[in-house]
Amino acid sequence: MTSAPSKTTTVKTVNNKTGITTSTSTSTSGGSTTTTKTTTIGTAKTVSTPSTATKATATLPHAALGSKWISGPNDGGWALCAPVAVANACLGALGVTASNAAIERLYARAGGSGTSGVSLGSTFGAARQHGLYGCRLKGWRRAALDDADIVLLKFAKGCHAAAFAGMTVITWGDEIPLAELDATIIDAWSLTWHGQEEVTRG
């Protein structure tokens, strides 16, 4: 009796705005199916997962995974990643979608100019002092991953700030499971917004 032939199907997706490349290969051999996803931001990493894998549940109350996240202005690299990460954390917590202009104002108020970039600490301080699109940050603290709203990642090409929920990195509007990134987590923070309790109850 002959065995069933092997079959491999590969689908490659490239986000022209973010530069993120995702390749999904499905291999079938006999009665076994393996799905391999490769995501490239910096350097590539390949992770094999069963085809029946389920998506983790987001801990953010107002924007679960699968939401339309903010990509923000990003024409010159990762310079605005910190304010975009804060904007997505705000969207997740309060349900408010900040405009690109508001994100650029936050970037400038945090000390950013052109492609200089800004630290997350400066961005948090600016969001507390000046607000973001009508929302003001109340405070922030370092947190474990299961309670984190923002993570700082170290890639081969440098550091990158991103919103975080359900062990999923939310970067430039895309959702990427943390296990599929070739990155090291440098730090993680939990944010609290003014009015967050009232909005959450509603």
Protein backbone atom coordinates (compact mmCIF):
# COMPACT_ATOMS: atom_id res chain seq x y z
CA MET A 1 0.00 0.00 0.00
CA THR A 2 1.46 3.38 -1.01
CA SER A 3 1.41 6.37 1.33
CA ALA A 4 -0.35 9.60 0.44
CA PRO A 5 1.91 12.12 -1.33
CA SER A 6 3.28 15.08 0.63
CA LYS A 7 1.92 18.52 -0.22
CA THR A 8 3.19 21.96 0.85
CA THR A 9 1.35 25.25 0.31
CA THR A 10 3.01 28.61 1.08
CA VAL A 11 1.28 32.00 1.31
CA LYS A 12 3.45 35.12 1.68
CA THR A 13 2.06 38.49 2.78
CA VAL A 14 4.06 41.74 2.78
CA ASN A 15 2.74 44.90 4.48
CA ASN A 16 4.25 47.68 2.34
CA LYS A 17 3.67 50.31 5.00
CA THR A 18 5.26 48.50 7.92
CA GLY A 19 7.74 46.25 6.14
CA ILE A 20 6.45 43.23 8.07
CA THR A 21 6.62 40.02 6.02
CA THR A 22 4.53 37.02 7.07
CA SER A 23 4.87 33.62 5.35
CA THR A 24 2.54 30.73 6.20
CA SER A 25 3.44 27.23 4.95
CA THR A 26 1.08 24.28 5.40
CA SER A 27 2.60 20.81 4.89
CA THR A 28 0.49 17.66 4.70
CA SER A 29 2.14 14.24 4.82
CA GLY A 30 0.01 11.15 5.45
CA GLY A 31 -2.48 12.07 8.18
CA SER A 32 -0.29 14.81 9.71
CA THR A 33 -0.57 18.54 9.00
CA THR A 34 2.01 21.13 10.14
CA THR A 35 1.63 24.89 9.82
CA THR A 36 4.80 27.01 9.89
CA LYS A 37 4.58 30.79 10.20
CA THR A 38 7.54 33.07 9.60
CA THR A 39 7.32 36.74 10.60
CA THR A 40 10.14 39.13 9.75
CA ILE A 41 10.76 42.33 11.68
CA GLY A 42 14.49 42.71 11.98
CA THR A 43 15.57 39.08 11.55
CA ALA A 44 13.34 36.14 10.75
CA LYS A 45 12.28 33.38 13.10
CA THR A 46 10.32 30.26 12.19
CA VAL A 47 7.93 28.65 14.66
CA SER A 48 5.96 25.44 13.99
CA THR A 49 2.52 25.21 15.57
CA PRO A 50 -0.34 22.74 15.24
CA SER A 51 -2.96 23.77 12.70
CA THR A 52 -5.60 23.71 15.45
CA ALA A 53 -3.91 26.48 17.50
CA THR A 54 -6.29 29.04 19.02
CA LYS A 55 -5.74 32.76 19.49
CA ALA A 56 -5.08 34.07 23.00
CA THR A 57 -7.67 36.31 24.62
CA ALA A 58 -6.76 39.98 25.01
CA THR A 59 -6.84 41.47 28.48
CA LEU A 60 -7.71 44.95 27.21
CA PRO A 61 -11.39 45.70 27.92
CA HIS A 62 -12.34 47.85 24.92
CA ALA A 63 -10.36 46.44 22.00
CA ALA A 64 -9.97 42.67 21.85
CA LEU A 65 -7.57 40.97 19.49
CA GLY A 66 -8.87 41.24 15.97
CA SER A 67 -9.74 44.92 16.42
CA LYS A 68 -8.70 47.58 13.93
CA TRP A 69 -5.57 48.90 15.61
CA ILE A 70 -3.85 52.24 14.96
CA SER A 71 -0.96 52.09 12.51
CA GLY A 72 -0.10 55.77 12.89
CA PRO A 73 2.37 57.83 10.88
CA ASN A 74 5.48 55.78 10.07
CA ASP A 75 7.09 56.96 6.84
CA GLY A 76 10.64 57.16 8.17
CA GLY A 77 11.19 54.01 10.20
CA TRP A 78 10.38 53.31 13.85
CA ALA A 79 10.77 56.89 15.15
CA LEU A 80 7.11 57.21 16.24
CA CYS A 81 6.74 53.71 17.69
CA ALA A 82 6.46 54.96 21.30
CA PRO A 83 3.49 57.33 20.75
CA VAL A 84 1.80 54.79 18.45
CA ALA A 85 2.17 52.15 21.18
CA VAL A 86 0.62 54.54 23.73
CA ALA A 87 -2.21 55.33 21.28
CA ASN A 88 -3.01 51.63 20.88
CA ALA A 89 -2.91 51.11 24.66
CA CYS A 90 -5.39 54.00 24.95
CA LEU A 91 -7.60 52.41 22.29
CA GLY A 92 -7.54 49.13 24.17
CA ALA A 93 -8.32 50.70 27.54
CA LEU A 94 -10.80 53.46 26.59
CA GLY A 95 -11.95 52.66 23.07
CA VAL A 96 -10.62 55.99 21.75
CA THR A 97 -8.88 56.04 18.34
CA ALA A 98 -6.26 58.81 18.26
CA SER A 99 -5.61 60.59 14.96
CA ASN A 100 -2.21 60.72 13.27
CA ALA A 101 -2.05 64.45 14.08
CA ALA A 102 -2.61 63.73 17.78
CA ILE A 103 0.12 61.06 17.72
CA GLU A 104 2.53 63.48 16.03
CA ARG A 105 1.72 66.15 18.68
CA LEU A 106 2.44 63.63 21.44
CA TYR A 107 5.73 62.78 19.73
CA ALA A 108 6.75 66.46 19.61
CA ARG A 109 5.67 67.06 23.23
CA ALA A 110 7.79 64.08 24.28
CA GLY A 111 10.81 65.76 22.67
CA GLY A 112 10.78 64.04 19.29
CA SER A 113 11.73 65.83 16.09
CA GLY A 114 11.97 64.27 12.63
CA THR A 115 13.43 60.77 13.01
CA SER A 116 15.07 61.45 16.40
CA GLY A 117 12.79 59.03 18.24
CA VAL A 118 11.67 59.40 21.86
CA SER A 119 11.87 57.23 24.95
CA LEU A 120 8.81 55.56 26.39
CA GLY A 121 9.36 57.43 29.66
CA SER A 122 9.20 60.80 27.86
CA THR A 123 6.13 59.65 25.93
CA PHE A 124 4.36 58.54 29.12
CA GLY A 125 5.19 61.88 30.76
CA ALA A 126 3.86 63.85 27.79
CA ALA A 127 0.66 61.77 27.70
CA ARG A 128 0.15 62.48 31.42
CA GLN A 129 0.87 66.21 31.15
CA HIS A 130 -0.75 67.02 27.80
CA GLY A 131 -3.01 64.06 27.07
CA LEU A 132 -3.65 62.24 23.82
CA TYR A 133 -6.74 62.98 21.74
CA GLY A 134 -8.75 64.08 24.80
CA CYS A 135 -7.46 61.26 27.05
CA ARG A 136 -4.88 61.71 29.80
CA LEU A 137 -2.55 59.10 31.17
CA LYS A 138 -2.89 58.81 34.95
CA GLY A 139 0.15 56.64 35.64
CA TRP A 140 2.33 53.74 34.59
CA ARG A 141 4.32 51.01 36.29
CA ARG A 142 6.56 48.14 35.29
CA ALA A 143 4.53 44.96 34.97
CA ALA A 144 4.66 41.24 34.27
CA LEU A 145 3.67 40.21 30.73
CA ASP A 146 0.23 38.99 31.80
CA ASP A 147 -0.55 42.55 32.98
CA ALA A 148 1.37 44.56 30.37
CA ASP A 149 -0.11 47.13 28.00
CA ILE A 150 3.20 48.10 26.34
CA VAL A 151 6.45 46.23 25.77
CA LEU A 152 9.88 47.36 24.64
CA LEU A 153 11.44 44.83 22.26
CA LYS A 154 15.06 44.45 21.21
CA PHE A 155 15.53 43.37 17.58
CA ALA A 156 18.74 42.96 15.60
CA LYS A 157 18.13 46.39 14.03
CA GLY A 158 17.33 48.17 17.30
CA CYS A 159 14.58 48.68 19.88
CA HIS A 160 10.87 48.91 19.17
CA ALA A 161 7.94 49.86 21.41
CA ALA A 162 4.58 48.20 20.86
CA ALA A 163 1.23 47.75 22.56
CA PHE A 164 0.69 44.30 24.03
CA ALA A 165 -2.28 42.07 24.91
CA GLY A 166 -2.95 38.35 25.10
CA MET A 167 0.76 37.57 24.50
CA THR A 168 0.34 39.39 21.18
CA VAL A 169 2.41 42.35 20.01
CA ILE A 170 0.33 45.10 18.39
CA THR A 171 2.68 46.96 16.07
CA TRP A 172 1.85 49.41 13.27
CA GLY A 173 -1.72 48.10 13.14
CA ASP A 174 -0.75 44.41 12.92
CA GLU A 175 -1.12 41.65 15.53
CA ILE A 176 1.85 39.29 15.86
CA PRO A 177 2.04 36.55 18.52
CA LEU A 178 5.07 37.14 20.72
CA ALA A 179 6.35 33.60 20.06
CA GLU A 180 6.72 34.44 16.36
CA LEU A 181 9.05 37.40 16.88
CA ASP A 182 12.82 37.08 16.97
CA ALA A 183 13.09 39.65 19.74
CA THR A 184 13.99 40.05 23.41
CA ILE A 185 11.63 41.81 25.81
CA ILE A 186 13.62 44.54 27.56
CA ASP A 187 10.78 45.96 29.66
CA ALA A 188 7.00 45.96 30.06
CA TRP A 189 4.54 48.48 31.52
CA SER A 190 0.95 48.65 32.65
CA LEU A 191 -0.83 51.99 32.02
CA THR A 192 -3.74 53.62 33.85
CA TRP A 193 -5.87 56.32 32.22
CA HIS A 194 -8.02 59.03 33.83
CA GLY A 195 -11.63 57.92 33.56
CA GLN A 196 -10.63 54.34 32.83
CA GLU A 197 -12.72 52.91 35.69
CA GLU A 198 -15.86 54.76 34.59
CA VAL A 199 -15.42 53.77 30.93
CA THR A 200 -14.76 50.13 31.86
CA ARG A 201 -17.94 49.95 33.97
CA GLY A 202 -20.00 51.35 31.09
